[in-house]
């Protein structure tokens, strides 16, 4: 059974604050598609587990 925490989505601003990184760094990860994201209106949503994995390992899984 999947844990609900696996599906927590963060905006670029939330991700930057959560990981203590500059917003422009997170934005570049999204715009260059280094980290998968979903566009919801004007905002990009990033899966917390996926970006955490990227920041730790330098690679992401194929699924969001």
PDB file of N, CA and C in Angstrom:
ATOM      1  N   UNK A   1       0.839  -1.179   0.000  1.00  0.00           N
ATOM      2  CA  UNK A   1       0.000   0.000   0.000  1.00  0.00           C
ATOM      3  C   UNK A   1       0.887   1.246   0.000  1.00  0.00           C
ATOM      4  N   UNK A   2       0.563   2.210  -0.845  1.00  0.00           N
ATOM      5  CA  UNK A   2       1.346   3.437  -0.937  1.00  0.00           C
ATOM      6  C   UNK A   2       1.057   4.359   0.229  1.00  0.00           C
ATOM      7  N   UNK A   3       2.094   5.005   0.685  1.00  0.00           N
ATOM      8  CA  UNK A   3       1.975   5.970   1.765  1.00  0.00           C
ATOM      9  C   UNK A   3       1.546   7.305   1.169  1.00  0.00           C
ATOM     10  N   UNK A   4       0.650   7.985   1.817  1.00  0.00           N
ATOM     11  CA  UNK A   4       0.166   9.272   1.307  1.00  0.00           C
ATOM     12  C   UNK A   4       1.299  10.292   1.187  1.00  0.00           C
ATOM     13  N   UNK A   5       2.325  10.178   2.027  1.00  0.00           N
ATOM     14  CA  UNK A   5       3.461  11.096   1.979  1.00  0.00           C
ATOM     15  C   UNK A   5       4.227  10.974   0.670  1.00  0.00           C
ATOM     16  N   UNK A   6       4.109   9.827  -0.023  1.00  0.00           N
ATOM     17  CA  UNK A   6       4.777   9.640  -1.306  1.00  0.00           C
ATOM     18  C   UNK A   6       4.220  10.580  -2.363  1.00  0.00           C
ATOM     19  N   UNK A   7       3.040  11.131  -2.138  1.00  0.00           N
ATOM     20  CA  UNK A   7       2.372  11.956  -3.137  1.00  0.00           C
ATOM     21  C   UNK A   7       2.294  13.425  -2.746  1.00  0.00           C
ATOM     22  N   UNK A   8       3.106  13.866  -1.807  1.00  0.00           N
ATOM     23  CA  UNK A   8       3.102  15.268  -1.404  1.00  0.00           C
ATOM     24  C   UNK A   8       3.750  16.094  -2.504  1.00  0.00           C
ATOM     25  N   UNK A   9       3.021  17.085  -2.977  1.00  0.00           N
ATOM     26  CA  UNK A   9       3.506  17.939  -4.048  1.00  0.00           C
ATOM     27  C   UNK A   9       3.871  19.305  -3.482  1.00  0.00           C
ATOM     28  N   UNK A  10       4.976  19.855  -3.969  1.00  0.00           N
ATOM     29  CA  UNK A  10       5.461  21.147  -3.515  1.00  0.00           C
ATOM     30  C   UNK A  10       5.543  22.114  -4.689  1.00  0.00           C
ATOM     31  N   UNK A  11       5.274  23.379  -4.431  1.00  0.00           N
ATOM     32  CA  UNK A  11       5.538  24.409  -5.439  1.00  0.00           C
ATOM     33  C   UNK A  11       7.039  24.677  -5.437  1.00  0.00           C
ATOM     34  N   UNK A  12       7.501  25.453  -6.392  1.00  0.00           N
ATOM     35  CA  UNK A  12       8.921  25.807  -6.440  1.00  0.00           C
ATOM     36  C   UNK A  12       9.334  26.539  -5.163  1.00  0.00           C
ATOM     37  N   UNK A  13       8.512  27.465  -4.723  1.00  0.00           N
ATOM     38  CA  UNK A  13       8.806  28.221  -3.498  1.00  0.00           C
ATOM     39  C   UNK A  13       8.848  27.301  -2.286  1.00  0.00           C
ATOM     40  N   UNK A  14       7.874  26.412  -2.165  1.00  0.00           N
ATOM     41  CA  UNK A  14       7.844  25.480  -1.036  1.00  0.00           C
ATOM     42  C   UNK A  14       9.052  24.556  -1.045  1.00  0.00           C
ATOM     43  N   UNK A  15       9.408  24.060  -2.220  1.00  0.00           N
ATOM     44  CA  UNK A  15      10.570  23.169  -2.332  1.00  0.00           C
ATOM     45  C   UNK A  15      11.848  23.904  -1.945  1.00  0.00           C
ATOM     46  N   UNK A  16      11.982  25.140  -2.381  1.00  0.00           N
ATOM     47  CA  UNK A  16      13.172  25.926  -2.051  1.00  0.00           C
ATOM     48  C   UNK A  16      13.278  26.126  -0.537  1.00  0.00           C
ATOM     49  N   UNK A  17      12.174  26.462   0.100  1.00  0.00           N
ATOM     50  CA  UNK A  17      12.172  26.662   1.550  1.00  0.00           C
ATOM     51  C   UNK A  17      12.427  25.350   2.284  1.00  0.00           C
ATOM     52  N   UNK A  18      11.792  24.273   1.836  1.00  0.00           N
ATOM     53  CA  UNK A  18      11.900  22.970   2.487  1.00  0.00           C
ATOM     54  C   UNK A  18      13.337  22.455   2.460  1.00  0.00           C
ATOM     55  N   UNK A  19      14.011  22.596   1.302  1.00  0.00           N
ATOM     56  CA  UNK A  19      15.366  22.083   1.152  1.00  0.00           C
ATOM     57  C   UNK A  19      16.441  23.136   1.412  1.00  0.00           C
ATOM     58  N   UNK A  20      16.041  24.380   1.680  1.00  0.00           N
ATOM     59  CA  UNK A  20      16.992  25.438   1.973  1.00  0.00           C
ATOM     60  C   UNK A  20      17.841  25.823   0.769  1.00  0.00           C
ATOM     61  N   UNK A  21      17.222  25.830  -0.402  1.00  0.00           N
ATOM     62  CA  UNK A  21      17.915  26.163  -1.646  1.00  0.00           C
ATOM     63  C   UNK A  21      17.277  27.390  -2.288  1.00  0.00           C
ATOM     64  N   UNK A  22      18.013  28.073  -3.163  1.00  0.00           N
ATOM     65  CA  UNK A  22      17.431  29.235  -3.860  1.00  0.00           C
ATOM     66  C   UNK A  22      16.310  28.811  -4.818  1.00  0.00           C
ATOM     67  N   UNK A  23      15.294  29.669  -4.921  1.00  0.00           N
ATOM     68  CA  UNK A  23      14.175  29.386  -5.830  1.00  0.00           C
ATOM     69  C   UNK A  23      14.643  29.225  -7.264  1.00  0.00           C
ATOM     70  N   UNK A  24      15.613  30.039  -7.686  1.00  0.00           N
ATOM     71  CA  UNK A  24      16.044  29.956  -9.077  1.00  0.00           C
ATOM     72  C   UNK A  24      16.702  28.607  -9.386  1.00  0.00           C
ATOM     73  N   UNK A  25      17.339  27.973  -8.390  1.00  0.00           N
ATOM     74  CA  UNK A  25      17.937  26.654  -8.588  1.00  0.00           C
ATOM     75  C   UNK A  25      16.848  25.606  -8.822  1.00  0.00           C
ATOM     76  N   UNK A  26      15.812  25.622  -7.986  1.00  0.00           N
ATOM     77  CA  UNK A  26      14.694  24.671  -8.137  1.00  0.00           C
ATOM     78  C   UNK A  26      13.992  24.913  -9.466  1.00  0.00           C
ATOM     79  N   UNK A  27      13.780  26.183  -9.807  1.00  0.00           N
ATOM     80  CA  UNK A  27      13.125  26.527 -11.073  1.00  0.00           C
ATOM     81  C   UNK A  27      13.905  25.980 -12.267  1.00  0.00           C
ATOM     82  N   UNK A  28      15.223  26.091 -12.227  1.00  0.00           N
ATOM     83  CA  UNK A  28      16.054  25.572 -13.316  1.00  0.00           C
ATOM     84  C   UNK A  28      15.963  24.049 -13.413  1.00  0.00           C
ATOM     85  N   UNK A  29      15.878  23.364 -12.281  1.00  0.00           N
ATOM     86  CA  UNK A  29      15.695  21.911 -12.311  1.00  0.00           C
ATOM     87  C   UNK A  29      14.395  21.546 -13.010  1.00  0.00           C
ATOM     88  N   UNK A  30      13.360  22.324 -12.748  1.00  0.00           N
ATOM     89  CA  UNK A  30      12.052  22.074 -13.366  1.00  0.00           C
ATOM     90  C   UNK A  30      12.079  22.419 -14.854  1.00  0.00           C
ATOM     91  N   UNK A  31      12.581  23.602 -15.202  1.00  0.00           N
ATOM     92  CA  UNK A  31      12.554  24.055 -16.595  1.00  0.00           C
ATOM     93  C   UNK A  31      13.458  23.234 -17.508  1.00  0.00           C
ATOM     94  N   UNK A  32      14.536  22.688 -16.975  1.00  0.00           N
ATOM     95  CA  UNK A  32      15.420  21.838 -17.777  1.00  0.00           C
ATOM     96  C   UNK A  32      14.984  20.370 -17.738  1.00  0.00           C
ATOM     97  N   UNK A  33      13.891  20.121 -17.023  1.00  0.00           N
ATOM     98  CA  UNK A  33      13.323  18.777 -16.880  1.00  0.00           C
ATOM     99  C   UNK A  33      14.264  17.792 -16.199  1.00  0.00           C
ATOM    100  N   UNK A  34      15.167  18.316 -15.383  1.00  0.00           N
ATOM    101  CA  UNK A  34      16.015  17.452 -14.568  1.00  0.00           C
ATOM    102  C   UNK A  34      15.170  16.753 -13.506  1.00  0.00           C
ATOM    103  N   UNK A  35      14.119  17.444 -13.072  1.00  0.00           N
ATOM    104  CA  UNK A  35      13.162  16.903 -12.110  1.00  0.00           C
ATOM    105  C   UNK A  35      11.774  16.994 -12.738  1.00  0.00           C
ATOM    106  N   UNK A  36      11.032  15.889 -12.794  1.00  0.00           N
ATOM    107  CA  UNK A  36       9.690  15.947 -13.373  1.00  0.00           C
ATOM    108  C   UNK A  36       8.767  16.844 -12.550  1.00  0.00           C
ATOM    109  N   UNK A  37       7.863  17.502 -13.233  1.00  0.00           N
ATOM    110  CA  UNK A  37       6.900  18.374 -12.554  1.00  0.00           C
ATOM    111  C   UNK A  37       5.590  18.377 -13.321  1.00  0.00           C
ATOM    112  N   UNK A  38       4.586  18.942 -12.675  1.00  0.00           N
ATOM    113  CA  UNK A  38       3.267  19.102 -13.280  1.00  0.00           C
ATOM    114  C   UNK A  38       2.940  20.583 -13.227  1.00  0.00           C
ATOM    115  N   UNK A  39       2.437  21.132 -14.319  1.00  0.00           N
ATOM    116  CA  UNK A  39       2.051  22.535 -14.324  1.00  0.00           C
ATOM    117  C   UNK A  39       0.566  22.620 -13.970  1.00  0.00           C
ATOM    118  N   UNK A  40       0.276  23.383 -12.925  1.00  0.00           N
ATOM    119  CA  UNK A  40      -1.088  23.588 -12.459  1.00  0.00           C
ATOM    120  C   UNK A  40      -1.357  25.084 -12.502  1.00  0.00           C
ATOM    121  N   UNK A  41      -1.986  25.530 -13.579  1.00  0.00           N
ATOM    122  CA  UNK A  41      -2.180  26.967 -13.764  1.00  0.00           C
ATOM    123  C   UNK A  41      -0.848  27.612 -14.046  1.00  0.00           C
ATOM    124  N   UNK A  42      -0.461  28.572 -13.208  1.00  0.00           N
ATOM    125  CA  UNK A  42       0.823  29.251 -13.377  1.00  0.00           C
ATOM    126  C   UNK A  42       1.936  28.613 -12.546  1.00  0.00           C
ATOM    127  N   UNK A  43       1.591  27.635 -11.727  1.00  0.00           N
ATOM    128  CA  UNK A  43       2.570  27.050 -10.813  1.00  0.00           C
ATOM    129  C   UNK A  43       3.009  25.665 -11.279  1.00  0.00           C
ATOM    130  N   UNK A  44       4.240  25.343 -10.946  1.00  0.00           N
ATOM    131  CA  UNK A  44       4.757  23.998 -11.171  1.00  0.00           C
ATOM    132  C   UNK A  44       4.697  23.250  -9.850  1.00  0.00           C
ATOM    133  N   UNK A  45       4.283  21.997  -9.898  1.00  0.00           N
ATOM    134  CA  UNK A  45       4.230  21.155  -8.714  1.00  0.00           C
ATOM    135  C   UNK A  45       5.256  20.042  -8.869  1.00  0.00           C
ATOM    136  N   UNK A  46       6.022  19.823  -7.815  1.00  0.00           N
ATOM    137  CA  UNK A  46       7.099  18.847  -7.823  1.00  0.00           C
ATOM    138  C   UNK A  46       6.839  17.851  -6.700  1.00  0.00           C
ATOM    139  N   UNK A  47       6.975  16.566  -7.006  1.00  0.00           N
ATOM    140  CA  UNK A  47       6.806  15.541  -5.987  1.00  0.00           C
ATOM    141  C   UNK A  47       7.967  15.630  -4.995  1.00  0.00           C
ATOM    142  N   UNK A  48       7.645  15.706  -3.717  1.00  0.00           N
ATOM    143  CA  UNK A  48       8.663  15.865  -2.678  1.00  0.00           C
ATOM    144  C   UNK A  48       9.663  14.711  -2.688  1.00  0.00           C
ATOM    145  N   UNK A  49       9.180  13.494  -2.828  1.00  0.00           N
ATOM    146  CA  UNK A  49      10.058  12.324  -2.825  1.00  0.00           C
ATOM    147  C   UNK A  49      10.993  12.344  -4.038  1.00  0.00           C
ATOM    148  N   UNK A  50      10.478  12.754  -5.195  1.00  0.00           N
ATOM    149  CA  UNK A  50      11.274  12.771  -6.418  1.00  0.00           C
ATOM    150  C   UNK A  50      12.397  13.797  -6.334  1.00  0.00           C
ATOM    151  N   UNK A  51      12.092  15.003  -5.882  1.00  0.00           N
ATOM    152  CA  UNK A  51      13.143  16.024  -5.808  1.00  0.00           C
ATOM    153  C   UNK A  51      14.150  15.684  -4.712  1.00  0.00           C
ATOM    154  N   UNK A  52      13.689  15.088  -3.632  1.00  0.00           N
ATOM    155  CA  UNK A  52      14.596  14.663  -2.571  1.00  0.00           C
ATOM    156  C   UNK A  52      15.572  13.615  -3.110  1.00  0.00           C
ATOM    157  N   UNK A  53      15.054  12.664  -3.869  1.00  0.00           N
ATOM    158  CA  UNK A  53      15.903  11.634  -4.475  1.00  0.00           C
ATOM    159  C   UNK A  53      16.918  12.263  -5.426  1.00  0.00           C
ATOM    160  N   UNK A  54      16.478  13.229  -6.223  1.00  0.00           N
ATOM    161  CA  UNK A  54      17.391  13.912  -7.146  1.00  0.00           C
ATOM    162  C   UNK A  54      18.509  14.622  -6.381  1.00  0.00           C
ATOM    163  N   UNK A  55      18.156  15.333  -5.335  1.00  0.00           N
ATOM    164  CA  UNK A  55      19.149  16.097  -4.579  1.00  0.00           C
ATOM    165  C   UNK A  55      20.145  15.183  -3.865  1.00  0.00           C
ATOM    166  N   UNK A  56      19.705  13.992  -3.485  1.00  0.00           N
ATOM    167  CA  UNK A  56      20.597  13.057  -2.797  1.00  0.00           C
ATOM    168  C   UNK A  56      21.467  12.270  -3.768  1.00  0.00           C
ATOM    169  N   UNK A  57      20.896  11.884  -4.913  1.00  0.00           N
ATOM    170  CA  UNK A  57      21.580  10.961  -5.816  1.00  0.00           C
ATOM    171  C   UNK A  57      21.953  11.564  -7.159  1.00  0.00           C
ATOM    172  N   UNK A  58      21.393  12.704  -7.497  1.00  0.00           N
ATOM    173  CA  UNK A  58      21.669  13.294  -8.797  1.00  0.00           C
ATOM    174  C   UNK A  58      20.892  12.653  -9.927  1.00  0.00           C
ATOM    175  N   UNK A  59      19.929  11.826  -9.591  1.00  0.00           N
ATOM    176  CA  UNK A  59      19.091  11.185 -10.612  1.00  0.00           C
ATOM    177  C   UNK A  59      17.691  11.001 -10.030  1.00  0.00           C
ATOM    178  N   UNK A  60      16.722  10.891 -10.921  1.00  0.00           N
ATOM    179  CA  UNK A  60      15.343  10.695 -10.486  1.00  0.00           C
ATOM    180  C   UNK A  60      14.798   9.413 -11.092  1.00  0.00           C
ATOM    181  N   UNK A  61      13.746   8.912 -10.470  1.00  0.00           N
ATOM    182  CA  UNK A  61      13.083   7.741 -11.020  1.00  0.00           C
ATOM    183  C   UNK A  61      12.216   8.163 -12.220  1.00  0.00           C
ATOM    184  N   UNK A  62      11.723   7.207 -12.991  1.00  0.00           N
ATOM    185  CA  UNK A  62      10.931   7.510 -14.172  1.00  0.00           C
ATOM    186  C   UNK A  62       9.516   7.942 -13.846  1.00  0.00           C
ATOM    187  N   UNK A  63       9.025   7.602 -12.670  1.00  0.00           N
ATOM    188  CA  UNK A  63       7.637   7.891 -12.305  1.00  0.00           C
ATOM    189  C   UNK A  63       7.579   9.048 -11.339  1.00  0.00           C
ATOM    190  N   UNK A  64       6.476   9.785 -11.405  1.00  0.00           N
ATOM    191  CA  UNK A  64       6.238  10.869 -10.446  1.00  0.00           C
ATOM    192  C   UNK A  64       5.532  10.284  -9.259  1.00  0.00           C
TER     193      UNK A  64
END
